[in-house]
């Protein structure tokens, strides 16, 4: 499985975690059963999932200043998760170029977001990157 697919599965699990009260480890185990292919790059998958969960407040604080005419609470859940993953990768994953993280976030937004999500996410991430 490619990193693109791994990132997408991480986004799906993070979305699920936001709506279920089961312990995170139980949700990961269930996710492994449904999508056994994540085991191919499980270290990266878990890095994204736990990285976003454990640093969510910091990640949100990093991109919130670039949300033009939006508040974090009004942002669609999928858009927020996509932004959190991208910001996490940009800040912590050294072997992924920033442009790749942004491009993959835009692709996820096109697939899972609203009609305007991809361009909005691209703008937010571009402005975020300029600030670091």
N, C-alpha and C. Protein backbone atom coordinates (compact mmCIF):
# COMPACT_ATOMS: atom_id res chain seq x y z
N UNK A 1 0.85 -1.16 0.00
CA UNK A 1 0.00 0.00 0.00
C UNK A 1 0.91 1.24 0.00
N UNK A 2 0.51 2.23 -0.74
CA UNK A 2 1.29 3.46 -0.84
C UNK A 2 1.03 4.37 0.35
N UNK A 3 1.90 5.36 0.49
CA UNK A 3 1.69 6.34 1.56
C UNK A 3 0.40 7.12 1.34
N UNK A 4 0.05 7.30 0.09
CA UNK A 4 -1.20 8.00 -0.23
C UNK A 4 -2.38 7.25 0.39
N UNK A 5 -2.41 5.95 0.17
CA UNK A 5 -3.50 5.12 0.73
C UNK A 5 -3.42 5.06 2.25
N UNK A 6 -2.20 4.99 2.78
CA UNK A 6 -2.03 4.95 4.23
C UNK A 6 -2.56 6.24 4.86
N UNK A 7 -2.22 7.37 4.24
CA UNK A 7 -2.70 8.67 4.72
C UNK A 7 -4.23 8.73 4.68
N UNK A 8 -4.80 8.20 3.61
CA UNK A 8 -6.26 8.20 3.47
C UNK A 8 -6.90 7.34 4.56
N UNK A 9 -6.33 6.17 4.83
CA UNK A 9 -6.87 5.32 5.90
C UNK A 9 -6.72 6.00 7.26
N UNK A 10 -5.62 6.69 7.48
CA UNK A 10 -5.44 7.42 8.74
C UNK A 10 -6.53 8.48 8.88
N UNK A 11 -6.83 9.19 7.79
CA UNK A 11 -7.88 10.20 7.83
C UNK A 11 -9.23 9.56 8.16
N UNK A 12 -9.52 8.42 7.55
CA UNK A 12 -10.78 7.73 7.80
C UNK A 12 -10.89 7.31 9.26
N UNK A 13 -9.80 6.78 9.81
CA UNK A 13 -9.83 6.36 11.22
C UNK A 13 -9.97 7.57 12.14
N UNK A 14 -9.26 8.64 11.87
CA UNK A 14 -9.40 9.85 12.69
C UNK A 14 -10.82 10.38 12.64
N UNK A 15 -11.45 10.29 11.50
CA UNK A 15 -12.86 10.70 11.38
C UNK A 15 -13.73 9.81 12.26
N UNK A 16 -13.51 8.50 12.16
CA UNK A 16 -14.28 7.53 12.96
C UNK A 16 -14.09 7.76 14.45
N UNK A 17 -12.87 8.01 14.87
CA UNK A 17 -12.57 8.22 16.29
C UNK A 17 -13.36 9.40 16.84
N UNK A 18 -13.60 10.39 15.99
CA UNK A 18 -14.35 11.56 16.43
C UNK A 18 -15.81 11.29 16.72
N UNK A 19 -16.32 10.15 16.26
CA UNK A 19 -17.74 9.85 16.42
C UNK A 19 -18.02 8.63 17.29
N UNK A 20 -16.98 7.93 17.70
CA UNK A 20 -17.19 6.74 18.51
C UNK A 20 -16.54 6.91 19.87
N UNK A 21 -17.11 6.30 20.87
CA UNK A 21 -16.59 6.41 22.23
C UNK A 21 -15.70 5.24 22.63
N UNK A 22 -15.54 4.27 21.75
CA UNK A 22 -14.71 3.11 22.06
C UNK A 22 -13.26 3.56 22.26
N UNK A 23 -12.51 2.83 23.09
CA UNK A 23 -11.09 3.17 23.24
C UNK A 23 -10.39 3.19 21.87
N UNK A 24 -9.44 4.08 21.73
CA UNK A 24 -8.75 4.24 20.44
C UNK A 24 -8.10 2.94 20.00
N UNK A 25 -7.46 2.23 20.91
CA UNK A 25 -6.79 0.98 20.53
C UNK A 25 -7.79 -0.04 19.98
N UNK A 26 -9.00 -0.08 20.55
CA UNK A 26 -10.03 -0.98 20.04
C UNK A 26 -10.46 -0.57 18.63
N UNK A 27 -10.55 0.73 18.40
CA UNK A 27 -10.93 1.21 17.07
C UNK A 27 -9.83 0.90 16.05
N UNK A 28 -8.58 1.02 16.47
CA UNK A 28 -7.46 0.67 15.58
C UNK A 28 -7.51 -0.81 15.25
N UNK A 29 -7.73 -1.65 16.25
CA UNK A 29 -7.81 -3.10 16.02
C UNK A 29 -8.93 -3.44 15.05
N UNK A 30 -10.09 -2.83 15.22
CA UNK A 30 -11.21 -3.06 14.32
C UNK A 30 -10.85 -2.58 12.91
N UNK A 31 -10.22 -1.44 12.83
CA UNK A 31 -9.81 -0.90 11.53
C UNK A 31 -8.84 -1.85 10.83
N UNK A 32 -7.91 -2.45 11.59
CA UNK A 32 -6.96 -3.43 11.04
C UNK A 32 -7.71 -4.64 10.46
N UNK A 33 -8.75 -5.07 11.15
CA UNK A 33 -9.53 -6.21 10.66
C UNK A 33 -10.21 -5.88 9.33
N UNK A 34 -10.77 -4.68 9.25
CA UNK A 34 -11.49 -4.27 8.04
C UNK A 34 -10.52 -3.97 6.90
N UNK A 35 -9.40 -3.35 7.22
CA UNK A 35 -8.41 -2.95 6.22
C UNK A 35 -7.05 -3.57 6.56
N UNK A 36 -6.88 -4.86 6.35
CA UNK A 36 -5.62 -5.51 6.72
C UNK A 36 -4.40 -4.97 5.96
N UNK A 37 -4.63 -4.29 4.85
CA UNK A 37 -3.51 -3.77 4.06
C UNK A 37 -2.74 -2.66 4.78
N UNK A 38 -3.33 -2.06 5.83
CA UNK A 38 -2.60 -1.00 6.54
C UNK A 38 -1.36 -1.54 7.23
N UNK A 39 -1.32 -2.84 7.45
CA UNK A 39 -0.18 -3.44 8.12
C UNK A 39 1.09 -3.26 7.29
N UNK A 40 0.95 -3.11 5.98
CA UNK A 40 2.12 -2.90 5.12
C UNK A 40 2.91 -1.66 5.52
N UNK A 41 2.25 -0.63 5.97
CA UNK A 41 2.91 0.59 6.40
C UNK A 41 2.31 1.05 7.73
N UNK A 42 2.19 0.10 8.63
CA UNK A 42 1.52 0.36 9.90
C UNK A 42 2.24 1.41 10.74
N UNK A 43 3.56 1.45 10.68
CA UNK A 43 4.29 2.44 11.47
C UNK A 43 3.91 3.86 11.05
N UNK A 44 3.82 4.10 9.76
CA UNK A 44 3.44 5.42 9.26
C UNK A 44 1.98 5.72 9.62
N UNK A 45 1.12 4.73 9.45
CA UNK A 45 -0.30 4.86 9.78
C UNK A 45 -0.46 5.27 11.24
N UNK A 46 0.19 4.54 12.13
CA UNK A 46 0.07 4.83 13.56
C UNK A 46 0.73 6.15 13.93
N UNK A 47 1.81 6.49 13.24
CA UNK A 47 2.47 7.77 13.48
C UNK A 47 1.50 8.92 13.20
N UNK A 48 0.81 8.85 12.07
CA UNK A 48 -0.15 9.90 11.73
C UNK A 48 -1.30 9.92 12.74
N UNK A 49 -1.89 8.77 12.98
CA UNK A 49 -3.07 8.70 13.87
C UNK A 49 -2.72 9.22 15.27
N UNK A 50 -1.70 8.66 15.89
CA UNK A 50 -1.34 9.09 17.24
C UNK A 50 -0.74 10.49 17.25
N UNK A 51 0.00 10.83 16.19
CA UNK A 51 0.57 12.17 16.11
C UNK A 51 -0.51 13.24 16.09
N UNK A 52 -1.55 13.02 15.31
CA UNK A 52 -2.65 13.99 15.26
C UNK A 52 -3.43 13.99 16.57
N UNK A 53 -3.74 12.83 17.09
CA UNK A 53 -4.51 12.75 18.34
C UNK A 53 -3.75 13.44 19.48
N UNK A 54 -2.47 13.15 19.60
CA UNK A 54 -1.69 13.65 20.73
C UNK A 54 -1.30 15.12 20.61
N UNK A 55 -1.36 15.68 19.41
CA UNK A 55 -0.96 17.08 19.25
C UNK A 55 -2.04 17.92 18.57
N UNK A 56 -3.27 17.47 18.65
CA UNK A 56 -4.38 18.13 17.96
C UNK A 56 -4.48 19.62 18.29
N UNK A 57 -4.42 19.97 19.55
CA UNK A 57 -4.55 21.38 19.93
C UNK A 57 -3.44 22.23 19.30
N UNK A 58 -2.22 21.74 19.34
CA UNK A 58 -1.10 22.47 18.75
C UNK A 58 -1.25 22.56 17.23
N UNK A 59 -1.64 21.48 16.60
CA UNK A 59 -1.83 21.48 15.14
C UNK A 59 -2.90 22.49 14.74
N UNK A 60 -4.02 22.45 15.45
CA UNK A 60 -5.11 23.39 15.15
C UNK A 60 -4.63 24.84 15.34
N UNK A 61 -3.91 25.09 16.42
CA UNK A 61 -3.42 26.44 16.69
C UNK A 61 -2.48 26.92 15.59
N UNK A 62 -1.80 26.01 14.92
CA UNK A 62 -0.87 26.38 13.85
C UNK A 62 -1.59 26.86 12.60
N UNK A 63 -2.74 26.22 12.25
CA UNK A 63 -3.39 26.63 11.01
C UNK A 63 -4.59 27.56 11.20
N UNK A 64 -5.13 27.65 12.40
CA UNK A 64 -6.29 28.52 12.65
C UNK A 64 -6.07 29.96 12.20
N UNK A 65 -4.89 30.55 12.41
CA UNK A 65 -4.71 31.94 11.97
C UNK A 65 -4.90 32.14 10.46
N UNK A 66 -4.88 31.07 9.69
CA UNK A 66 -4.99 31.17 8.24
C UNK A 66 -6.38 30.78 7.71
N UNK A 67 -7.32 30.58 8.63
CA UNK A 67 -8.69 30.27 8.24
C UNK A 67 -9.42 31.59 7.94
N UNK A 68 -9.42 31.97 6.73
CA UNK A 68 -10.07 33.22 6.33
C UNK A 68 -11.59 33.06 6.44
N UNK A 69 -12.22 33.95 7.19
CA UNK A 69 -13.67 33.99 7.35
C UNK A 69 -14.27 32.69 7.91
N UNK A 70 -13.47 31.89 8.58
CA UNK A 70 -13.96 30.66 9.20
C UNK A 70 -13.44 30.56 10.61
N UNK A 71 -14.17 29.88 11.43
CA UNK A 71 -13.71 29.53 12.77
C UNK A 71 -13.53 28.02 12.77
N UNK A 72 -12.66 27.54 13.61
CA UNK A 72 -12.37 26.12 13.69
C UNK A 72 -13.65 25.30 13.90
N UNK A 73 -14.55 25.80 14.75
CA UNK A 73 -15.78 25.07 15.06
C UNK A 73 -16.70 24.93 13.85
N UNK A 74 -16.59 25.83 12.89
CA UNK A 74 -17.46 25.78 11.71
C UNK A 74 -16.85 24.99 10.56
N UNK A 75 -15.59 24.69 10.67
CA UNK A 75 -14.89 23.95 9.61
C UNK A 75 -15.45 22.54 9.51
N UNK A 76 -15.73 22.06 8.30
CA UNK A 76 -16.18 20.67 8.18
C UNK A 76 -15.16 19.71 8.81
N UNK A 77 -15.65 18.68 9.44
CA UNK A 77 -14.78 17.74 10.16
C UNK A 77 -13.72 17.15 9.24
N UNK A 78 -14.10 16.78 8.04
CA UNK A 78 -13.11 16.20 7.13
C UNK A 78 -12.02 17.21 6.79
N UNK A 79 -12.39 18.46 6.56
CA UNK A 79 -11.39 19.49 6.26
C UNK A 79 -10.43 19.67 7.43
N UNK A 80 -10.97 19.68 8.62
CA UNK A 80 -10.12 19.84 9.81
C UNK A 80 -9.12 18.70 9.93
N UNK A 81 -9.58 17.48 9.74
CA UNK A 81 -8.69 16.33 9.85
C UNK A 81 -7.63 16.37 8.76
N UNK A 82 -8.02 16.71 7.55
CA UNK A 82 -7.06 16.81 6.44
C UNK A 82 -5.99 17.86 6.77
N UNK A 83 -6.41 19.00 7.28
CA UNK A 83 -5.46 20.05 7.66
C UNK A 83 -4.54 19.57 8.79
N UNK A 84 -5.10 18.89 9.77
CA UNK A 84 -4.28 18.38 10.89
C UNK A 84 -3.23 17.40 10.40
N UNK A 85 -3.61 16.49 9.52
CA UNK A 85 -2.65 15.53 8.98
C UNK A 85 -1.55 16.25 8.21
N UNK A 86 -1.93 17.16 7.35
CA UNK A 86 -0.94 17.87 6.54
C UNK A 86 0.02 18.69 7.41
N UNK A 87 -0.51 19.41 8.38
CA UNK A 87 0.34 20.21 9.26
C UNK A 87 1.25 19.30 10.07
N UNK A 88 0.72 18.18 10.55
CA UNK A 88 1.54 17.22 11.28
C UNK A 88 2.69 16.73 10.41
N UNK A 89 2.39 16.34 9.18
CA UNK A 89 3.44 15.87 8.27
C UNK A 89 4.48 16.96 8.00
N UNK A 90 4.01 18.15 7.72
CA UNK A 90 4.93 19.25 7.40
C UNK A 90 5.88 19.52 8.57
N UNK A 91 5.36 19.45 9.78
CA UNK A 91 6.17 19.77 10.95
C UNK A 91 7.04 18.63 11.44
N UNK A 92 6.64 17.38 11.19
CA UNK A 92 7.34 16.27 11.85
C UNK A 92 7.89 15.18 10.95
N UNK A 93 7.36 15.01 9.77
CA UNK A 93 7.80 13.89 8.91
C UNK A 93 8.83 14.43 7.93
N UNK A 94 10.09 14.13 8.19
CA UNK A 94 11.18 14.72 7.43
C UNK A 94 11.33 14.18 6.02
N UNK A 95 10.91 12.96 5.77
CA UNK A 95 11.13 12.38 4.44
C UNK A 95 9.99 12.66 3.45
N UNK A 96 9.05 13.51 3.83
CA UNK A 96 7.98 13.91 2.91
C UNK A 96 8.14 15.40 2.63
N UNK A 97 8.37 15.76 1.37
CA UNK A 97 8.48 17.18 1.05
C UNK A 97 7.17 17.92 1.36
N UNK A 98 7.29 19.15 1.76
CA UNK A 98 6.13 19.98 2.08
C UNK A 98 5.13 20.01 0.94
N UNK A 99 5.63 20.15 -0.28
CA UNK A 99 4.74 20.21 -1.44
C UNK A 99 3.92 18.93 -1.60
N UNK A 100 4.50 17.80 -1.25
CA UNK A 100 3.77 16.53 -1.32
C UNK A 100 2.66 16.49 -0.27
N UNK A 101 2.96 16.94 0.94
CA UNK A 101 1.93 16.96 1.99
C UNK A 101 0.76 17.85 1.57
N UNK A 102 1.06 19.00 0.99
CA UNK A 102 0.00 19.90 0.53
C UNK A 102 -0.78 19.27 -0.60
N UNK A 103 -0.08 18.72 -1.57
CA UNK A 103 -0.75 18.10 -2.72
C UNK A 103 -1.65 16.94 -2.29
N UNK A 104 -1.18 16.12 -1.38
CA UNK A 104 -1.99 14.99 -0.92
C UNK A 104 -3.20 15.47 -0.11
N UNK A 105 -3.04 16.54 0.64
CA UNK A 105 -4.17 17.11 1.38
C UNK A 105 -5.23 17.61 0.40
N UNK A 106 -4.79 18.25 -0.66
CA UNK A 106 -5.73 18.75 -1.68
C UNK A 106 -6.47 17.59 -2.34
N UNK A 107 -5.75 16.50 -2.62
CA UNK A 107 -6.39 15.31 -3.21
C UNK A 107 -7.46 14.73 -2.27
N UNK A 108 -7.11 14.63 -0.99
CA UNK A 108 -8.09 14.12 -0.02
C UNK A 108 -9.30 15.04 0.06
N UNK A 109 -9.06 16.33 0.01
CA UNK A 109 -10.16 17.30 0.06
C UNK A 109 -11.07 17.17 -1.15
N UNK A 110 -10.49 16.91 -2.31
CA UNK A 110 -11.31 16.73 -3.52
C UNK A 110 -12.18 15.49 -3.39
N UNK A 111 -11.64 14.47 -2.75
CA UNK A 111 -12.37 13.20 -2.62
C UNK A 111 -13.41 13.24 -1.50
N UNK A 112 -13.07 13.86 -0.37
CA UNK A 112 -13.93 13.78 0.82
C UNK A 112 -14.58 15.09 1.23
N UNK A 113 -14.11 16.20 0.70
CA UNK A 113 -14.60 17.49 1.14
C UNK A 113 -15.73 18.03 0.29
N UNK A 114 -16.02 19.30 0.52
CA UNK A 114 -17.04 20.00 -0.26
C UNK A 114 -16.42 20.48 -1.57
N UNK A 115 -17.22 21.12 -2.40
CA UNK A 115 -16.73 21.62 -3.68
C UNK A 115 -15.59 22.61 -3.51
N UNK A 116 -15.61 23.38 -2.44
CA UNK A 116 -14.59 24.40 -2.24
C UNK A 116 -13.45 23.95 -1.30
N UNK A 117 -13.54 22.76 -0.76
CA UNK A 117 -12.56 22.31 0.22
C UNK A 117 -11.13 22.28 -0.31
N UNK A 118 -10.95 21.78 -1.51
CA UNK A 118 -9.58 21.61 -2.01
C UNK A 118 -8.87 22.94 -2.18
N UNK A 119 -9.54 23.92 -2.75
CA UNK A 119 -8.87 25.22 -2.93
C UNK A 119 -8.68 25.92 -1.59
N UNK A 120 -9.64 25.77 -0.70
CA UNK A 120 -9.53 26.38 0.62
C UNK A 120 -8.36 25.78 1.40
N UNK A 121 -8.27 24.47 1.41
CA UNK A 121 -7.19 23.77 2.12
C UNK A 121 -5.84 24.14 1.50
N UNK A 122 -5.78 24.21 0.19
CA UNK A 122 -4.55 24.60 -0.48
C UNK A 122 -4.11 25.99 -0.01
N UNK A 123 -5.04 26.92 0.06
CA UNK A 123 -4.73 28.28 0.51
C UNK A 123 -4.27 28.33 1.95
N UNK A 124 -4.98 27.64 2.81
CA UNK A 124 -4.61 27.61 4.23
C UNK A 124 -3.22 27.04 4.42
N UNK A 125 -2.95 25.91 3.77
CA UNK A 125 -1.64 25.27 3.93
C UNK A 125 -0.52 26.09 3.30
N UNK A 126 -0.79 26.71 2.17
CA UNK A 126 0.23 27.55 1.53
C UNK A 126 0.60 28.72 2.43
N UNK A 127 -0.39 29.36 3.02
CA UNK A 127 -0.12 30.46 3.93
C UNK A 127 0.56 29.99 5.21
N UNK A 128 0.18 28.82 5.70
CA UNK A 128 0.84 28.24 6.87
C UNK A 128 2.32 28.01 6.59
N UNK A 129 2.62 27.41 5.45
CA UNK A 129 4.01 27.10 5.11
C UNK A 129 4.84 28.38 4.98
N UNK A 130 4.26 29.42 4.43
CA UNK A 130 4.99 30.69 4.31
C UNK A 130 5.33 31.26 5.69
N UNK A 131 4.55 30.91 6.70
CA UNK A 131 4.74 31.47 8.03
C UNK A 131 5.81 30.74 8.85
N UNK A 132 6.21 29.57 8.39
CA UNK A 132 7.18 28.79 9.20
C UNK A 132 8.61 28.95 8.68
